[in-house]
Amino acid sequence: VWTFAMQAEVIDMDMSDDGSILVIATGDEGLDKYKNRIFVVETNANTLGVRTAEVIWNYEFGGEALSTSVSDNGKIVSAGSNGYVYIFNLSASEPDSPQLKYSTYDHKGVVVSGNGKFVASARIGDSGGYLKIFEENNSGGWNYVFQSSVSYPDTIDMSYSGTETLLGGSYTYFFSTDSSGDYEQTWTSTGTSNEISSFLSDDGEYAVSCYSGSNIIAWKTSSSS
């Protein structure tokens, strides 16, 4: 449909559900005006006829943009770079100014819930660290609400509502909110390796993990069986 010339190393990408917003995270290889940034691109996916992708804005970090994610409606964008988790609101008066810049080593993997109300981050690809959860407050800002120690995290996923989070590493970890709305670790399943790809259904009711060189295991999250 269209071609977008990105003259830098692309490390991560994500797209809104309707395909209208594309977010791109770049590394430190390439032209200066493209590297170490996130780009928010309007794809004009809902336009009939000839379509042209257009950069709405970009944000430059102090190092590689290692991860990025966007909500289903394309309004909330998160990125991890240079020891920080960033959250942007594309509906804000200054969308390219982060609503949150949180200092943490756990920034190499970020995910935004489908409804844009929660963001999770973890130190993907490292030996340890923490899962961190951020929640939008009633004023439109963001609060850091939860953390839990994890081992060798490799993948991170979140339900549409953001009230369930799945993380795969040397274990499969499932987290959810309790009756009071507070996050907690619900269950953990021991793996057979440090390379586990884990995925969570949109409603948070089902999880699946693929163990490197081994089995694919599925769970009903309410019972971990």
Protein backbone atom coordinates (compact mmCIF):
# COMPACT_ATOMS: atom_id res chain seq x y z
CA VAL A 1 0.00 0.00 0.00
CA TRP A 2 2.84 2.36 0.91
CA THR A 3 6.55 2.38 1.66
CA PHE A 4 8.11 4.29 4.54
CA ALA A 5 11.87 4.85 4.35
CA MET A 6 13.35 4.45 7.83
CA GLN A 7 17.05 5.30 7.57
CA ALA A 8 18.03 3.76 10.90
CA GLU A 9 18.11 0.36 12.57
CA VAL A 10 14.55 -0.64 13.53
CA ILE A 11 14.47 -2.47 16.88
CA ASP A 12 10.75 -2.72 17.62
CA MET A 13 7.35 -1.80 16.16
CA ASP A 14 3.68 -1.92 17.09
CA MET A 15 0.42 -0.90 15.44
CA SER A 16 -3.05 0.15 16.57
CA ASP A 17 -5.91 -2.27 16.01
CA ASP A 18 -7.30 -0.43 12.98
CA GLY A 19 -3.84 -0.03 11.45
CA SER A 20 -4.00 3.77 11.44
CA ILE A 21 -1.11 4.36 13.88
CA LEU A 22 2.31 2.74 13.61
CA VAL A 23 5.02 3.25 16.23
CA ILE A 24 8.66 2.51 15.41
CA ALA A 25 11.61 2.26 17.81
CA THR A 26 15.10 2.80 16.36
CA GLY A 27 18.63 1.99 17.51
CA ASP A 28 21.92 3.82 17.30
CA GLU A 29 22.80 2.85 13.72
CA GLY A 30 21.70 5.14 10.90
CA LEU A 31 21.27 8.81 10.14
CA ASP A 32 21.25 11.12 13.16
CA LYS A 33 17.73 12.40 12.48
CA TYR A 34 16.34 8.85 12.58
CA LYS A 35 18.34 6.94 15.20
CA ASN A 36 17.61 6.54 18.96
CA ARG A 37 13.99 7.63 18.57
CA ILE A 38 10.41 6.55 18.43
CA PHE A 39 8.37 7.60 15.43
CA VAL A 40 4.58 7.86 15.49
CA VAL A 41 3.30 7.36 11.95
CA GLU A 42 -0.19 8.02 10.59
CA THR A 43 -0.65 5.29 7.97
CA ASN A 44 -3.91 6.64 6.51
CA ALA A 45 -5.08 3.02 6.52
CA ASN A 46 -8.74 4.07 6.39
CA THR A 47 -8.26 6.34 3.37
CA LEU A 48 -9.54 5.14 0.00
CA GLY A 49 -7.27 5.29 -3.01
CA VAL A 50 -3.60 6.25 -2.87
CA ARG A 51 -2.26 6.37 0.69
CA THR A 52 0.82 8.10 2.05
CA ALA A 53 2.32 7.45 5.47
CA GLU A 54 3.03 10.59 7.48
CA VAL A 55 5.18 11.04 10.59
CA ILE A 56 3.04 12.80 13.23
CA TRP A 57 6.02 13.30 15.56
CA ASN A 58 9.17 11.67 16.81
CA TYR A 59 10.97 11.73 20.14
CA GLU A 60 14.74 11.45 20.57
CA PHE A 61 16.18 9.48 23.50
CA GLY A 62 19.65 9.44 25.02
CA GLY A 63 20.24 5.93 23.67
CA GLU A 64 18.60 3.15 21.70
CA ALA A 65 14.82 2.84 21.82
CA LEU A 66 14.67 -0.82 22.86
CA SER A 67 10.92 -1.35 22.93
CA THR A 68 7.64 0.33 22.07
CA SER A 69 3.91 -0.39 22.28
CA VAL A 70 0.65 1.37 21.43
CA SER A 71 -2.91 0.95 22.71
CA ASP A 72 -5.58 -0.54 20.46
CA ASN A 73 -7.05 2.89 19.67
CA GLY A 74 -3.63 4.38 18.92
CA LYS A 75 -3.84 7.02 21.68
CA ILE A 76 -1.35 5.79 24.31
CA VAL A 77 2.27 5.02 23.37
CA SER A 78 5.00 3.65 25.60
CA ALA A 79 8.71 3.18 24.99
CA GLY A 80 11.73 1.92 26.89
CA SER A 81 15.13 3.55 26.42
CA ASN A 82 18.31 4.47 28.25
CA GLY A 83 17.10 3.44 31.71
CA TYR A 84 13.60 4.93 31.49
CA VAL A 85 10.03 3.94 30.73
CA TYR A 86 8.18 6.65 28.80
CA ILE A 87 4.43 7.06 28.34
CA PHE A 88 2.91 9.47 25.78
CA ASN A 89 -0.71 10.46 25.14
CA LEU A 90 -1.41 11.27 21.50
CA SER A 91 -4.58 13.13 22.53
CA ALA A 92 -2.69 15.56 24.78
CA SER A 93 -2.03 19.16 23.77
CA GLU A 94 1.68 18.27 23.55
CA PRO A 95 1.64 14.61 22.48
CA ASP A 96 5.41 14.47 21.96
CA SER A 97 6.03 15.43 25.61
CA PRO A 98 6.04 12.32 27.86
CA GLN A 99 3.37 12.15 30.54
CA LEU A 100 5.67 9.80 32.43
CA LYS A 101 9.44 9.36 32.40
CA TYR A 102 10.22 6.73 35.01
CA SER A 103 13.81 5.77 35.85
CA THR A 104 14.27 1.98 35.95
CA TYR A 105 16.53 -0.77 34.65
CA ASP A 106 13.35 -2.68 33.78
CA HIS A 107 12.73 -0.88 30.49
CA LYS A 108 13.79 -3.30 27.75
CA GLY A 109 10.26 -4.58 27.17
CA VAL A 110 7.10 -2.47 27.42
CA VAL A 111 3.47 -3.26 26.64
CA VAL A 112 0.37 -1.05 26.70
CA SER A 113 -3.00 -2.61 27.51
CA GLY A 114 -5.52 -2.56 24.68
CA ASN A 115 -7.66 0.04 26.46
CA GLY A 116 -4.62 2.22 27.20
CA LYS A 117 -5.18 2.23 30.98
CA PHE A 118 -2.13 0.16 32.02
CA VAL A 119 1.51 -0.15 30.96
CA ALA A 120 3.83 -2.99 31.99
CA SER A 121 7.62 -3.14 31.67
CA ALA A 122 10.35 -5.68 32.33
CA ARG A 123 14.06 -6.23 31.75
CA ILE A 124 13.53 -8.48 28.73
CA GLY A 125 16.58 -10.55 27.80
CA ASP A 126 18.43 -10.10 31.09
CA SER A 127 18.89 -12.52 33.98
CA GLY A 128 16.53 -10.86 36.42
CA GLY A 129 14.86 -7.65 37.42
CA TYR A 130 11.23 -6.79 38.03
CA LEU A 131 7.90 -6.60 36.34
CA LYS A 132 6.60 -3.08 36.83
CA ILE A 133 2.99 -1.96 36.35
CA PHE A 134 1.82 1.62 35.73
CA GLU A 135 -1.83 2.70 35.83
CA GLU A 136 -3.48 5.83 34.48
CA ASN A 137 -5.07 7.91 37.23
CA ASN A 138 -8.25 9.99 37.20
CA SER A 139 -6.30 13.12 36.25
CA GLY A 140 -4.83 11.54 33.13
CA GLY A 141 -1.40 11.07 34.72
CA TRP A 142 0.29 7.80 35.56
CA ASN A 143 1.04 6.01 38.83
CA TYR A 144 3.58 3.26 39.47
CA VAL A 145 1.38 0.69 41.24
CA PHE A 146 3.16 -2.70 41.37
CA GLN A 147 6.42 -4.57 41.03
CA SER A 148 7.43 -8.22 41.35
CA SER A 149 10.78 -9.97 40.98
CA VAL A 150 11.09 -12.16 37.87
CA SER A 151 13.81 -14.47 36.53
CA TYR A 152 15.16 -14.37 32.95
CA PRO A 153 12.16 -12.56 31.41
CA ASP A 154 11.91 -13.08 27.63
CA THR A 155 8.41 -11.94 26.63
CA ILE A 156 5.65 -9.81 28.13
CA ASP A 157 1.97 -9.57 27.25
CA MET A 158 -1.13 -7.92 28.71
CA SER A 159 -4.89 -8.34 28.40
CA TYR A 160 -7.10 -5.68 26.80
CA SER A 161 -8.25 -4.37 30.18
CA GLY A 162 -4.71 -4.39 31.60
CA THR A 163 -5.87 -6.25 34.70
CA GLU A 164 -3.90 -9.35 33.66
CA THR A 165 -0.24 -9.59 32.67
CA LEU A 166 1.75 -12.61 31.48
CA LEU A 167 5.52 -12.86 31.45
CA GLY A 168 7.63 -15.71 30.08
CA GLY A 169 11.20 -16.43 31.16
CA SER A 170 12.71 -19.26 33.15
CA TYR A 171 9.13 -19.42 34.48
CA THR A 172 5.74 -18.40 33.15
CA TYR A 173 4.37 -15.75 35.49
CA PHE A 174 0.73 -14.68 35.63
CA PHE A 175 -0.34 -11.50 37.43
CA SER A 176 -3.83 -10.08 37.89
CA THR A 177 -5.80 -7.63 39.98
CA ASP A 178 -7.67 -8.77 43.07
CA SER A 179 -11.19 -7.82 44.16
CA SER A 180 -9.86 -4.44 45.36
CA GLY A 181 -8.22 -3.71 42.02
CA ASP A 182 -4.69 -4.23 43.35
CA TYR A 183 -2.16 -6.20 41.30
CA GLU A 184 -0.76 -9.48 42.67
CA GLN A 185 1.18 -12.49 41.40
CA THR A 186 -1.50 -15.15 40.85
CA TRP A 187 0.58 -18.16 39.82
CA THR A 188 3.95 -19.27 38.44
CA SER A 189 4.77 -22.28 36.28
CA THR A 190 8.31 -23.69 36.17
CA GLY A 191 9.84 -23.87 32.71
CA THR A 192 12.49 -26.05 31.15
CA SER A 193 14.67 -23.30 29.68
CA ASN A 194 15.28 -19.57 29.82
CA GLU A 195 13.66 -18.95 26.44
CA ILE A 196 9.90 -18.93 26.78
CA SER A 197 7.54 -17.08 24.44
CA SER A 198 4.28 -16.39 26.24
CA PHE A 199 1.01 -14.94 24.98
CA LEU A 200 -2.21 -13.88 26.71
CA SER A 201 -5.71 -13.73 25.25
CA ASP A 202 -7.39 -10.33 25.04
CA ASP A 203 -9.84 -11.24 27.80
CA GLY A 204 -7.00 -12.51 30.02
CA GLU A 205 -8.67 -15.91 30.47
CA TYR A 206 -6.15 -18.02 28.53
CA ALA A 207 -2.35 -18.14 28.37
CA VAL A 208 0.06 -20.10 26.24
CA SER A 209 3.83 -20.57 26.46
CA CYS A 210 6.24 -22.09 23.98
CA TYR A 211 9.30 -23.60 25.68
CA SER A 212 12.45 -23.55 23.53
CA GLY A 213 13.02 -27.03 22.08
CA SER A 214 10.15 -28.44 24.13
CA ASN A 215 6.38 -28.20 24.45
CA ILE A 216 3.65 -25.65 23.91
CA ILE A 217 1.58 -25.41 27.10
CA ALA A 218 -1.77 -23.65 27.50
CA TRP A 219 -3.55 -22.61 30.69
CA LYS A 220 -6.91 -21.33 31.80
CA THR A 221 -5.52 -18.49 33.89
CA SER A 222 -8.10 -18.72 36.65
CA SER A 223 -6.81 -22.17 37.59
CA SER A 224 -3.27 -22.36 36.06
CA SER A 225 -4.24 -25.73 34.58
